Amino acid sequence: MRRRDFFRFLGAITLSTTFPVVGKAELPLVVWFSFSDEATAKQYFKAVEDGLRKLGLIDGKTIRFRSYFAGFSKQRMNELVPQIIEQNPAACILHGAVIKPMAAATKTIPLVTGSSGDMVAGRLVASLSHPGGNITGIQFMAIDLVAKRLELLKEIYPSIKRVAVIADPGHAGELNEREKTLSVAATLGIQVDYKPVTNPQELQSVLDALSDSDVEAIVAFPDAITFGPRKKIADFALKQKLPAVSGWDAYADSGFLFVYGPSLTAAWDRMAYFVDRILKGARPEDLPAELPSVIELIINLKTAKALGIEVPQNIVFRANRVIE
């Protein structure tokens, strides 16, 4: 082989090694990992899929999109964490209680989270504007919304004097949410019975105690400890003729009187923005975490009727959605 042809041959090998033909196996892997089961998380998972699709991130064409559900099992969650990390995904979207174990297990894989708690207090990020690590996303907790929930409750039920607050004391930012609730309740002339709950057994004990109490309503902080058994809380409240309120749409769909808070569907759709930026080279530490941009009031008039409560028309007109 002549010298010139030999070097052309070497150059061809180098080029083919450096710039391989990209097939489906080389598409970037994007993972959805949820502590929930598939049926419970269906609405939010679909919102993520829709968001990705709108940005051209389509399974089998531009990305490989894989979903994992722990089915509310800590054992299954702990089994899945190393399996997902071993695949070294380009980005991982986290839903629910899987956030902390994934954050502890990797400092390099980009994690996009929908956090029900305070991301700074929970030490997921250094600050919302400058996350500083491998985690970014959307924080669903907004302390200012607490005041509006109590004000709406007072407007619907003017004579109310005492409410029970059910919340997970270990939830990041819960203390701030509780202090804000106590402060606003005091200005409205409402007394608060704080009921901490950390497991299903404690929840049952709290509900049993409330059946013999003089509370007139239930305020469930939107967190994992109340989200799972939200139907149980709603059914209990209805049986006891107590209006129950919270902050996410699924609570109203389960029978709560109303919710005022972020649209989780819109928030999960927004997660695709972070994934898209990461796949284009941005680092999570440089992508500011966000607060929800869409806030909604949802009223369950079917529950109101069962409770014998007349929701003022001016509130009904302000609702983003009414369940009848």
C-alpha atoms as a PDB file:
ATOM      1  CA  MET A   1       0.000   0.000   0.000  1.00  0.00           C
ATOM      2  CA  ARG A   2       1.385   3.387  -0.930  1.00  0.00           C
ATOM      3  CA  ARG A   3       2.266   5.766   1.931  1.00  0.00           C
ATOM      4  CA  ARG A   4      -0.469   8.300   0.982  1.00  0.00           C
ATOM      5  CA  ASP A   5      -3.149   5.602   0.736  1.00  0.00           C
ATOM      6  CA  PHE A   6      -2.033   4.148   4.064  1.00  0.00           C
ATOM      7  CA  PHE A   7      -2.600   7.448   5.895  1.00  0.00           C
ATOM      8  CA  ARG A   8      -5.992   7.908   4.218  1.00  0.00           C
ATOM      9  CA  PHE A   9      -6.898   4.452   5.509  1.00  0.00           C
ATOM     10  CA  LEU A  10      -5.863   5.408   9.062  1.00  0.00           C
ATOM     11  CA  GLY A  11      -7.849   8.629   8.813  1.00  0.00           C
ATOM     12  CA  ALA A  12     -10.960   6.723   7.782  1.00  0.00           C
ATOM     13  CA  ILE A  13     -10.615   4.445  10.844  1.00  0.00           C
ATOM     14  CA  THR A  14     -10.208   7.455  13.148  1.00  0.00           C
ATOM     15  CA  LEU A  15     -13.263   9.211  11.762  1.00  0.00           C
ATOM     16  CA  SER A  16     -15.448   6.126  12.019  1.00  0.00           C
ATOM     17  CA  THR A  17     -14.328   5.636  15.642  1.00  0.00           C
ATOM     18  CA  THR A  18     -14.846   9.249  16.683  1.00  0.00           C
ATOM     19  CA  PHE A  19     -18.166   9.828  14.940  1.00  0.00           C
ATOM     20  CA  PRO A  20     -20.170   6.589  15.064  1.00  0.00           C
ATOM     21  CA  VAL A  21     -23.471   6.216  13.294  1.00  0.00           C
ATOM     22  CA  VAL A  22     -26.122   6.827  15.994  1.00  0.00           C
ATOM     23  CA  GLY A  23     -28.790   4.153  16.254  1.00  0.00           C
ATOM     24  CA  LYS A  24     -31.652   3.636  18.681  1.00  0.00           C
ATOM     25  CA  ALA A  25     -29.345   2.053  21.264  1.00  0.00           C
ATOM     26  CA  GLU A  26     -27.367   5.304  21.470  1.00  0.00           C
ATOM     27  CA  LEU A  27     -30.380   7.566  22.038  1.00  0.00           C
ATOM     28  CA  PRO A  28     -30.130   9.360  25.391  1.00  0.00           C
ATOM     29  CA  LEU A  29     -31.947   7.548  28.180  1.00  0.00           C
ATOM     30  CA  VAL A  30     -34.557   9.537  30.123  1.00  0.00           C
ATOM     31  CA  VAL A  31     -36.057   7.821  33.165  1.00  0.00           C
ATOM     32  CA  TRP A  32     -39.286   8.442  35.086  1.00  0.00           C
ATOM     33  CA  PHE A  33     -39.051   7.018  38.616  1.00  0.00           C
ATOM     34  CA  SER A  34     -42.086   7.165  40.913  1.00  0.00           C
ATOM     35  CA  PHE A  35     -42.731   5.903  44.425  1.00  0.00           C
ATOM     36  CA  SER A  36     -46.381   5.566  43.431  1.00  0.00           C
ATOM     37  CA  ASP A  37     -48.044   2.865  41.374  1.00  0.00           C
ATOM     38  CA  GLU A  38     -48.829   3.350  37.705  1.00  0.00           C
ATOM     39  CA  ALA A  39     -52.566   3.914  38.177  1.00  0.00           C
ATOM     40  CA  THR A  40     -52.140   6.589  40.878  1.00  0.00           C
ATOM     41  CA  ALA A  41     -49.438   8.483  38.977  1.00  0.00           C
ATOM     42  CA  LYS A  42     -51.106   8.110  35.569  1.00  0.00           C
ATOM     43  CA  GLN A  43     -52.227  11.744  35.241  1.00  0.00           C
ATOM     44  CA  TYR A  44     -48.811  13.196  36.097  1.00  0.00           C
ATOM     45  CA  PHE A  45     -46.869  10.634  34.059  1.00  0.00           C
ATOM     46  CA  LYS A  46     -49.001  11.506  31.031  1.00  0.00           C
ATOM     47  CA  ALA A  47     -48.321  15.203  31.627  1.00  0.00           C
ATOM     48  CA  VAL A  48     -44.573  14.499  31.530  1.00  0.00           C
ATOM     49  CA  GLU A  49     -44.960  12.470  28.327  1.00  0.00           C
ATOM     50  CA  ASP A  50     -46.981  15.276  26.734  1.00  0.00           C
ATOM     51  CA  GLY A  51     -44.404  17.853  27.766  1.00  0.00           C
ATOM     52  CA  LEU A  52     -41.548  15.811  26.329  1.00  0.00           C
ATOM     53  CA  ARG A  53     -43.444  15.212  23.092  1.00  0.00           C
ATOM     54  CA  LYS A  54     -44.105  18.936  22.621  1.00  0.00           C
ATOM     55  CA  LEU A  55     -40.358  19.519  22.741  1.00  0.00           C
ATOM     56  CA  GLY A  56     -39.649  16.756  20.245  1.00  0.00           C
ATOM     57  CA  LEU A  57     -38.431  14.281  22.861  1.00  0.00           C
ATOM     58  CA  ILE A  58     -40.135  11.126  21.651  1.00  0.00           C
ATOM     59  CA  ASP A  59     -39.438   7.596  22.803  1.00  0.00           C
ATOM     60  CA  GLY A  60     -37.679   5.566  20.133  1.00  0.00           C
ATOM     61  CA  LYS A  61     -37.025   8.576  17.910  1.00  0.00           C
ATOM     62  CA  THR A  62     -35.033  11.149  19.852  1.00  0.00           C
ATOM     63  CA  ILE A  63     -34.803   9.574  23.318  1.00  0.00           C
ATOM     64  CA  ARG A  64     -35.308   6.289  25.111  1.00  0.00           C
ATOM     65  CA  PHE A  65     -37.978   6.921  27.759  1.00  0.00           C
ATOM     66  CA  ARG A  66     -38.310   4.332  30.506  1.00  0.00           C
ATOM     67  CA  SER A  67     -40.674   4.355  33.494  1.00  0.00           C
ATOM     68  CA  TYR A  68     -40.297   2.703  36.901  1.00  0.00           C
ATOM     69  CA  PHE A  69     -42.934   2.528  39.640  1.00  0.00           C
ATOM     70  CA  ALA A  70     -42.196   1.398  43.205  1.00  0.00           C
ATOM     71  CA  GLY A  71     -45.885   0.750  43.954  1.00  0.00           C
ATOM     72  CA  PHE A  72     -45.655   2.500  47.355  1.00  0.00           C
ATOM     73  CA  SER A  73     -43.134  -0.159  48.470  1.00  0.00           C
ATOM     74  CA  LYS A  74     -39.924   1.045  50.130  1.00  0.00           C
ATOM     75  CA  GLN A  75     -38.361  -2.353  49.491  1.00  0.00           C
ATOM     76  CA  ARG A  76     -39.133  -2.127  45.779  1.00  0.00           C
ATOM     77  CA  MET A  77     -37.911   1.482  45.706  1.00  0.00           C
ATOM     78  CA  ASN A  78     -34.588   0.484  47.277  1.00  0.00           C
ATOM     79  CA  GLU A  79     -34.223  -2.304  44.715  1.00  0.00           C
ATOM     80  CA  LEU A  80     -34.869   0.063  41.808  1.00  0.00           C
ATOM     81  CA  VAL A  81     -32.462   2.825  42.865  1.00  0.00           C
ATOM     82  CA  PRO A  82     -29.230   0.930  42.007  1.00  0.00           C
ATOM     83  CA  GLN A  83     -30.818  -0.573  38.892  1.00  0.00           C
ATOM     84  CA  ILE A  84     -31.604   2.892  37.532  1.00  0.00           C
ATOM     85  CA  ILE A  85     -28.229   4.359  38.486  1.00  0.00           C
ATOM     86  CA  GLU A  86     -26.435   1.468  36.792  1.00  0.00           C
ATOM     87  CA  GLN A  87     -28.025   2.526  33.491  1.00  0.00           C
ATOM     88  CA  ASN A  88     -26.535   6.027  33.890  1.00  0.00           C
ATOM     89  CA  PRO A  89     -29.514   7.902  32.385  1.00  0.00           C
ATOM     90  CA  ALA A  90     -28.982  11.273  30.754  1.00  0.00           C
ATOM     91  CA  ALA A  91     -31.752  12.638  32.996  1.00  0.00           C
ATOM     92  CA  CYS A  92     -34.034  11.171  35.640  1.00  0.00           C
ATOM     93  CA  ILE A  93     -37.473  12.615  36.508  1.00  0.00           C
ATOM     94  CA  LEU A  94     -38.376  11.830  40.123  1.00  0.00           C
ATOM     95  CA  HIS A  95     -41.884  11.612  41.597  1.00  0.00           C
ATOM     96  CA  GLY A  96     -42.632  11.297  45.307  1.00  0.00           C
ATOM     97  CA  ALA A  97     -40.576   9.607  48.007  1.00  0.00           C
ATOM     98  CA  VAL A  98     -37.895   8.371  45.583  1.00  0.00           C
ATOM     99  CA  ILE A  99     -36.269  11.819  45.593  1.00  0.00           C
ATOM    100  CA  LYS A 100     -34.212  11.435  48.778  1.00  0.00           C
ATOM    101  CA  PRO A 101     -32.753   7.966  48.097  1.00  0.00           C
ATOM    102  CA  MET A 102     -31.854   8.943  44.540  1.00  0.00           C
ATOM    103  CA  ALA A 103     -30.271  12.192  45.719  1.00  0.00           C
ATOM    104  CA  ALA A 104     -28.234  10.222  48.255  1.00  0.00           C
ATOM    105  CA  ALA A 105     -27.197   7.581  45.723  1.00  0.00           C
ATOM    106  CA  THR A 106     -25.841   9.815  42.936  1.00  0.00           C
ATOM    107  CA  LYS A 107     -24.182  13.200  42.655  1.00  0.00           C
ATOM    108  CA  THR A 108     -23.602  12.996  38.915  1.00  0.00           C
ATOM    109  CA  ILE A 109     -26.839  11.875  37.195  1.00  0.00           C
ATOM    110  CA  PRO A 110     -29.073  14.921  36.501  1.00  0.00           C
ATOM    111  CA  LEU A 111     -32.218  14.651  38.658  1.00  0.00           C
ATOM    112  CA  VAL A 112     -35.358  16.627  37.812  1.00  0.00           C
ATOM    113  CA  THR A 113     -37.773  16.611  40.730  1.00  0.00           C
ATOM    114  CA  GLY A 114     -41.296  17.616  41.527  1.00  0.00           C
ATOM    115  CA  SER A 115     -40.890  18.332  45.230  1.00  0.00           C
ATOM    116  CA  SER A 116     -43.895  18.621  47.524  1.00  0.00           C
ATOM    117  CA  GLY A 117     -41.640  20.088  50.212  1.00  0.00           C
ATOM    118  CA  ASP A 118     -39.234  22.991  50.515  1.00  0.00           C
ATOM    119  CA  MET A 119     -36.263  22.093  48.312  1.00  0.00           C
ATOM    120  CA  VAL A 120     -33.880  24.335  50.246  1.00  0.00           C
ATOM    121  CA  ALA A 121     -35.006  23.194  53.704  1.00  0.00           C
ATOM    122  CA  GLY A 122     -34.806  19.608  52.466  1.00  0.00           C
ATOM    123  CA  ARG A 123     -31.221  20.263  51.301  1.00  0.00           C
ATOM    124  CA  LEU A 124     -31.962  19.188  47.764  1.00  0.00           C
ATOM    125  CA  VAL A 125     -30.667  22.506  46.406  1.00  0.00           C
ATOM    126  CA  ALA A 126     -28.557  25.333  47.790  1.00  0.00           C
ATOM    127  CA  SER A 127     -31.173  27.831  46.607  1.00  0.00           C
ATOM    128  CA  LEU A 128     -33.937  27.877  44.037  1.00  0.00           C
ATOM    129  CA  SER A 129     -32.057  30.352  41.837  1.00  0.00           C
ATOM    130  CA  HIS A 130     -28.713  28.522  42.109  1.00  0.00           C
ATOM    131  CA  PRO A 131     -29.325  24.811  42.826  1.00  0.00           C
ATOM    132  CA  GLY A 132     -25.603  24.088  42.975  1.00  0.00           C
ATOM    133  CA  GLY A 133     -25.685  20.322  42.452  1.00  0.00           C
ATOM    134  CA  ASN A 134     -27.206  17.645  40.250  1.00  0.00           C
ATOM    135  CA  ILE A 135     -30.825  18.423  41.219  1.00  0.00           C
ATOM    136  CA  THR A 136     -33.325  20.948  39.879  1.00  0.00           C
ATOM    137  CA  GLY A 137     -37.057  21.018  39.121  1.00  0.00           C
ATOM    138  CA  ILE A 138     -40.219  22.506  40.593  1.00  0.00           C
ATOM    139  CA  GLN A 139     -41.120  23.059  44.233  1.00  0.00           C
ATOM    140  CA  PHE A 140     -44.867  22.607  44.763  1.00  0.00           C
ATOM    141  CA  MET A 141     -44.858  24.134  48.240  1.00  0.00           C
ATOM    142  CA  ALA A 142     -45.687  27.840  48.303  1.00  0.00           C
ATOM    143  CA  ILE A 143     -46.239  29.138  51.833  1.00  0.00           C
ATOM    144  CA  ASP A 144     -48.310  32.116  50.658  1.00  0.00           C
ATOM    145  CA  LEU A 145     -51.056  29.748  49.439  1.00  0.00           C
ATOM    146  CA  VAL A 146     -51.778  28.643  53.019  1.00  0.00           C
ATOM    147  CA  ALA A 147     -53.415  31.977  53.861  1.00  0.00           C
ATOM    148  CA  LYS A 148     -55.715  31.837  50.862  1.00  0.00           C
ATOM    149  CA  ARG A 149     -56.946  28.335  51.735  1.00  0.00           C
ATOM    150  CA  LEU A 150     -57.990  29.428  55.221  1.00  0.00           C
ATOM    151  CA  GLU A 151     -59.541  32.637  53.923  1.00  0.00           C
ATOM    152  CA  LEU A 152     -61.619  30.666  51.416  1.00  0.00           C
ATOM    153  CA  LEU A 153     -62.674  28.226  54.124  1.00  0.00           C
ATOM    154  CA  LYS A 154     -63.786  31.128  56.329  1.00  0.00           C
ATOM    155  CA  GLU A 155     -65.657  32.705  53.414  1.00  0.00           C
ATOM    156  CA  ILE A 156     -67.528  29.469  52.698  1.00  0.00           C
ATOM    157  CA  TYR A 157     -68.083  28.619  56.376  1.00  0.00           C
ATOM    158  CA  PRO A 158     -68.200  32.006  58.222  1.00  0.00           C
ATOM    159  CA  SER A 159     -69.010  30.555  61.652  1.00  0.00           C
ATOM    160  CA  ILE A 160     -66.015  28.207  61.745  1.00  0.00           C
ATOM    161  CA  LYS A 161     -64.002  28.377  64.982  1.00  0.00           C
ATOM    162  CA  ARG A 162     -61.754  25.309  65.072  1.00  0.00           C
ATOM    163  CA  VAL A 163     -59.939  23.246  62.443  1.00  0.00           C
ATOM    164  CA  ALA A 164     -57.740  20.175  62.583  1.00  0.00           C
ATOM    165  CA  VAL A 165     -54.480  20.298  60.620  1.00  0.00           C
ATOM    166  CA  ILE A 166     -53.156  16.916  59.515  1.00  0.00           C
ATOM    167  CA  ALA A 167     -49.531  16.994  58.386  1.00  0.00           C
ATOM    168  CA  ASP A 168     -46.252  15.116  58.294  1.00  0.00           C
ATOM    169  CA  PRO A 169     -43.881  16.856  60.755  1.00  0.00           C
ATOM    170  CA  GLY A 170     -40.883  15.454  58.882  1.00  0.00           C
ATOM    171  CA  HIS A 171     -41.922  16.999  55.574  1.00  0.00           C
ATOM    172  CA  ALA A 172     -39.357  19.576  54.435  1.00  0.00           C
ATOM    173  CA  GLY A 173     -40.735  23.050  55.088  1.00  0.00           C
ATOM    174  CA  GLU A 174     -43.661  21.753  57.165  1.00  0.00           C
ATOM    175  CA  LEU A 175     -42.683  23.921  60.136  1.00  0.00           C
ATOM    176  CA  ASN A 176     -42.915  27.092  58.028  1.00  0.00           C
ATOM    177  CA  GLU A 177     -46.260  25.967  56.612  1.00  0.00           C
ATOM    178  CA  ARG A 178     -47.556  25.222  60.105  1.00  0.00           C
ATOM    179  CA  GLU A 179     -46.402  28.571  61.517  1.00  0.00           C
ATOM    180  CA  LYS A 180     -48.040  30.414  58.629  1.00  0.00           C
ATOM    181  CA  THR A 181     -51.263  28.469  59.196  1.00  0.00           C
ATOM    182  CA  LEU A 182     -51.297  29.340  62.909  1.00  0.00           C
ATOM    183  CA  SER A 183     -50.637  33.011  62.162  1.00  0.00           C
ATOM    184  CA  VAL A 184     -53.374  33.335  59.530  1.00  0.00           C
ATOM    185  CA  ALA A 185     -55.846  31.293  61.597  1.00  0.00           C
ATOM    186  CA  ALA A 186     -55.351  33.652  64.540  1.00  0.00           C
ATOM    187  CA  THR A 187     -56.241  36.685  62.405  1.00  0.00           C
ATOM    188  CA  LEU A 188     -59.387  34.882  61.232  1.00  0.00           C
ATOM    189  CA  GLY A 189     -60.440  33.873  64.738  1.00  0.00           C
ATOM    190  CA  ILE A 190     -59.841  30.168  64.085  1.00  0.00           C
ATOM    191  CA  GLN A 191     -58.210  27.794  66.556  1.00  0.00           C
ATOM    192  CA  VAL A 192     -55.948  25.058  65.183  1.00  0.00           C
ATOM    193  CA  ASP A 193     -55.607  21.497  66.488  1.00  0.00           C
ATOM    194  CA  TYR A 194     -52.328  20.281  65.039  1.00  0.00           C
ATOM    195  CA  LYS A 195     -52.318  16.536  64.297  1.00  0.00           C
ATOM    196  CA  PRO A 196     -48.892  15.198  63.254  1.00  0.00           C
ATOM    197  CA  VAL A 197     -48.970  11.980  61.253  1.00  0.00           C
ATOM    198  CA  THR A 198     -45.976   9.936  60.145  1.00  0.00           C
ATOM    199  CA  ASN A 199     -47.532   6.576  59.217  1.00  0.00           C
ATOM    200  CA  PRO A 200     -50.916   4.953  58.400  1.00  0.00           C
ATOM    201  CA  GLN A 201     -51.429   3.761  61.992  1.00  0.00           C
ATOM    202  CA  GLU A 202     -51.056   7.303  63.321  1.00  0.00           C
ATOM    203  CA  LEU A 203     -53.504   8.573  60.702  1.00  0.00           C
ATOM    204  CA  GLN A 204     -56.136   6.103  61.840  1.00  0.00           C
ATOM    205  CA  SER A 205     -55.594   7.155  65.467  1.00  0.00           C
ATOM    206  CA  VAL A 206     -55.965  10.814  64.518  1.00  0.00           C
ATOM    207  CA  LEU A 207     -59.197  10.178  62.625  1.00  0.00           C
ATOM    208  CA  ASP A 208     -60.582   8.141  65.515  1.00  0.00           C
ATOM    209  CA  ALA A 209     -59.813  11.022  67.893  1.00  0.00           C
ATOM    210  CA  LEU A 210     -61.364  13.604  65.585  1.00  0.00           C
ATOM    211  CA  SER A 211     -64.653  11.717  65.501  1.00  0.00           C
ATOM    212  CA  ASP A 212     -65.169  12.714  69.141  1.00  0.00           C
ATOM    213  CA  SER A 213     -63.736  16.228  68.911  1.00  0.00           C
ATOM    214  CA  ASP A 214     -65.271  19.630  68.305  1.00  0.00           C
ATOM    215  CA  VAL A 215     -63.267  20.506  65.194  1.00  0.00           C
ATOM    216  CA  GLU A 216     -65.386  21.860  62.354  1.00  0.00           C
ATOM    217  CA  ALA A 217     -63.091  21.249  59.388  1.00  0.00           C
ATOM    218  CA  ILE A 218     -59.940  19.402  58.314  1.00  0.00           C
ATOM    219  CA  VAL A 219     -56.977  21.041  56.632  1.00  0.00           C
ATOM    220  CA  ALA A 220     -54.659  18.408  55.145  1.00  0.00           C
ATOM    221  CA  PHE A 221     -51.266  19.738  54.195  1.00  0.00           C
ATOM    222  CA  PRO A 222     -50.468  18.449  50.688  1.00  0.00           C
ATOM    223  CA  ASP A 223     -47.668  15.961  51.295  1.00  0.00           C
ATOM    224  CA  ALA A 224     -46.991  12.264  50.754  1.00  0.00           C
ATOM    225  CA  ILE A 225     -48.458  11.239  54.115  1.00  0.00           C
ATOM    226  CA  THR A 226     -51.915  12.679  53.281  1.00  0.00           C
ATOM    227  CA  PHE A 227     -51.828  12.239  49.502  1.00  0.00           C
ATOM    228  CA  GLY A 228     -51.847   8.425  49.541  1.00  0.00           C
ATOM    229  CA  PRO A 229     -54.836   8.046  51.902  1.00  0.00           C
ATOM    230  CA  ARG A 230     -56.637  11.188  50.678  1.00  0.00           C
ATOM    231  CA  LYS A 231     -59.791   9.197  49.833  1.00  0.00           C
ATOM    232  CA  LYS A 232     -59.820   7.763  53.337  1.00  0.00           C
ATOM    233  CA  ILE A 233     -59.581  11.262  54.816  1.00  0.00           C
ATOM    234  CA  ALA A 234     -62.288  12.562  52.457  1.00  0.00           C
ATOM    235  CA  ASP A 235     -64.670   9.704  53.295  1.00  0.00           C
ATOM    236  CA  PHE A 236     -64.116  10.220  57.022  1.00  0.00           C
ATOM    237  CA  ALA A 237     -64.716  13.975  56.714  1.00  0.00           C
ATOM    238  CA  LEU A 238     -67.918  13.400  54.764  1.00  0.00           C
ATOM    239  CA  LYS A 239     -69.181  10.894  57.323  1.00  0.00           C
ATOM    240  CA  GLN A 240     -68.448  13.354  60.132  1.00  0.00           C
ATOM    241  CA  LYS A 241     -69.957  16.255  58.149  1.00  0.00           C
ATOM    242  CA  LEU A 242     -66.637  18.109  58.139  1.00  0.00           C
ATOM    243  CA  PRO A 243     -65.403  20.115  55.151  1.00  0.00           C
ATOM    244  CA  ALA A 244     -61.864  19.025  54.191  1.00  0.00           C
ATOM    245  CA  VAL A 245     -59.500  21.222  52.211  1.00  0.00           C
ATOM    246  CA  SER A 246     -56.009  20.882  50.773  1.00  0.00           C
ATOM    247  CA  GLY A 247     -53.752  22.075  47.976  1.00  0.00           C
ATOM    248  CA  TRP A 248     -53.623  19.648  45.027  1.00  0.00           C
ATOM    249  CA  ASP A 249     -56.258  18.730  42.445  1.00  0.00           C
ATOM    250  CA  ALA A 250     -56.335  15.022  43.345  1.00  0.00           C
ATOM    251  CA  TYR A 251     -57.664  15.844  46.823  1.00  0.00           C
ATOM    252  CA  ALA A 252     -60.748  17.533  45.339  1.00  0.00           C
ATOM    253  CA  ASP A 253     -61.235  14.633  42.933  1.00  0.00           C
ATOM    254  CA  SER A 254     -61.170  12.304  45.958  1.00  0.00           C
ATOM    255  CA  GLY A 255     -63.951  14.194  47.747  1.00  0.00           C
ATOM    256  CA  PHE A 256     -62.367  17.170  49.544  1.00  0.00           C
ATOM    257  CA  LEU A 257     -64.582  20.267  49.534  1.00  0.00           C
ATOM    258  CA  PHE A 258     -62.004  22.381  47.728  1.00  0.00           C
ATOM    259  CA  VAL A 259     -58.326  22.748  46.954  1.00  0.00           C
ATOM    260  CA  TYR A 260     -56.312  25.862  46.297  1.00  0.00           C
ATOM    261  CA  GLY A 261     -52.798  25.364  45.037  1.00  0.00           C
ATOM    262  CA  PRO A 262     -50.554  24.574  42.105  1.00  0.00           C
ATOM    263  CA  SER A 263     -51.759  22.695  39.055  1.00  0.00           C
ATOM    264  CA  LEU A 264     -49.630  19.573  39.310  1.00  0.00           C
ATOM    265  CA  THR A 265     -50.550  18.601  35.754  1.00  0.00           C
ATOM    266  CA  ALA A 266     -49.081  21.862  34.454  1.00  0.00           C
ATOM    267  CA  ALA A 267     -46.059  21.492  36.734  1.00  0.00           C
ATOM    268  CA  TRP A 268     -45.258  17.969  35.537  1.00  0.00           C
ATOM    269  CA  ASP A 269     -45.644  19.106  31.938  1.00  0.00           C
ATOM    270  CA  ARG A 270     -43.038  21.769  32.719  1.00  0.00           C
ATOM    271  CA  MET A 271     -40.510  19.102  33.823  1.00  0.00           C
ATOM    272  CA  ALA A 272     -39.841  18.452  30.138  1.00  0.00           C
ATOM    273  CA  TYR A 273     -38.237  21.901  29.883  1.00  0.00           C
ATOM    274  CA  PHE A 274     -35.518  20.878  32.334  1.00  0.00           C
ATOM    275  CA  VAL A 275     -34.910  17.570  30.558  1.00  0.00           C
ATOM    276  CA  ASP A 276     -34.659  19.321  27.207  1.00  0.00           C
ATOM    277  CA  ARG A 277     -32.119  21.827  28.545  1.00  0.00           C
ATOM    278  CA  ILE A 278     -30.058  19.078  30.162  1.00  0.00           C
ATOM    279  CA  LEU A 279     -29.980  17.029  26.977  1.00  0.00           C
ATOM    280  CA  LYS A 280     -28.735  20.127  25.173  1.00  0.00           C
ATOM    281  CA  GLY A 281     -25.817  20.450  27.560  1.00  0.00           C
ATOM    282  CA  ALA A 282     -27.090  22.511  30.501  1.00  0.00           C
ATOM    283  CA  ARG A 283     -26.136  21.397  34.006  1.00  0.00           C
ATOM    284  CA  PRO A 284     -28.785  21.107  36.758  1.00  0.00           C
ATOM    285  CA  GLU A 285     -26.685  23.359  39.009  1.00  0.00           C
ATOM    286  CA  ASP A 286     -27.166  26.165  36.476  1.00  0.00           C
ATOM    287  CA  LEU A 287     -30.904  25.635  35.889  1.00  0.00           C
ATOM    288  CA  PRO A 288     -32.915  27.580  38.495  1.00  0.00           C
ATOM    289  CA  ALA A 289     -35.566  25.530  40.251  1.00  0.00           C
ATOM    290  CA  GLU A 290     -39.042  27.009  39.928  1.00  0.00           C
ATOM    291  CA  LEU A 291     -42.265  27.562  41.796  1.00  0.00           C
ATOM    292  CA  PRO A 292     -45.505  26.582  39.997  1.00  0.00           C
ATOM    293  CA  SER A 293     -46.736  29.098  37.446  1.00  0.00           C
ATOM    294  CA  VAL A 294     -50.342  27.857  37.382  1.00  0.00           C
ATOM    295  CA  ILE A 295     -52.431  28.126  40.565  1.00  0.00           C
ATOM    296  CA  GLU A 296     -55.965  26.750  40.616  1.00  0.00           C
ATOM    297  CA  LEU A 297     -59.083  26.668  42.757  1.00  0.00           C
ATOM    298  CA  ILE A 298     -61.133  23.484  42.410  1.00  0.00           C
ATOM    299  CA  ILE A 299     -64.464  23.130  44.193  1.00  0.00           C
ATOM    300  CA  ASN A 300     -66.328  19.873  44.692  1.00  0.00           C
ATOM    301  CA  LEU A 301     -69.994  20.880  44.705  1.00  0.00           C
ATOM    302  CA  LYS A 302     -71.043  17.240  45.078  1.00  0.00           C
ATOM    303  CA  THR A 303     -69.241  17.192  48.438  1.00  0.00           C
ATOM    304  CA  ALA A 304     -70.696  20.583  49.353  1.00  0.00           C
ATOM    305  CA  LYS A 305     -74.201  19.259  48.735  1.00  0.00           C
ATOM    306  CA  ALA A 306     -73.551  16.158  50.843  1.00  0.00           C
ATOM    307  CA  LEU A 307     -72.274  18.387  53.658  1.00  0.00           C
ATOM    308  CA  GLY A 308     -75.219  20.747  53.368  1.00  0.00           C
ATOM    309  CA  ILE A 309     -72.908  23.678  52.617  1.00  0.00           C
ATOM    310  CA  GLU A 310     -73.875  26.426  50.195  1.00  0.00           C
ATOM    311  CA  VAL A 311     -70.745  27.638  48.425  1.00  0.00           C
ATOM    312  CA  PRO A 312     -71.125  31.366  47.615  1.00  0.00           C
ATOM    313  CA  GLN A 313     -71.602  31.966  43.910  1.00  0.00           C
ATOM    314  CA  ASN A 314     -68.772  34.482  43.768  1.00  0.00           C
ATOM    315  CA  ILE A 315     -66.391  31.692  44.846  1.00  0.00           C
ATOM    316  CA  VAL A 316     -67.878  29.231  42.369  1.00  0.00           C
ATOM    317  CA  PHE A 317     -67.370  31.775  39.585  1.00  0.00           C
ATOM    318  CA  ARG A 318     -63.715  32.168  40.575  1.00  0.00           C
ATOM    319  CA  ALA A 319     -63.053  28.433  40.429  1.00  0.00           C
ATOM    320  CA  ASN A 320     -60.858  27.031  37.684  1.00  0.00           C
ATOM    321  CA  ARG A 321     -62.816  23.794  37.848  1.00  0.00           C
ATOM    322  CA  VAL A 322     -66.057  22.712  39.500  1.00  0.00           C
ATOM    323  CA  ILE A 323     -66.859  19.086  40.279  1.00  0.00           C
ATOM    324  CA  GLU A 324     -70.626  18.450  40.095  1.00  0.00           C
END
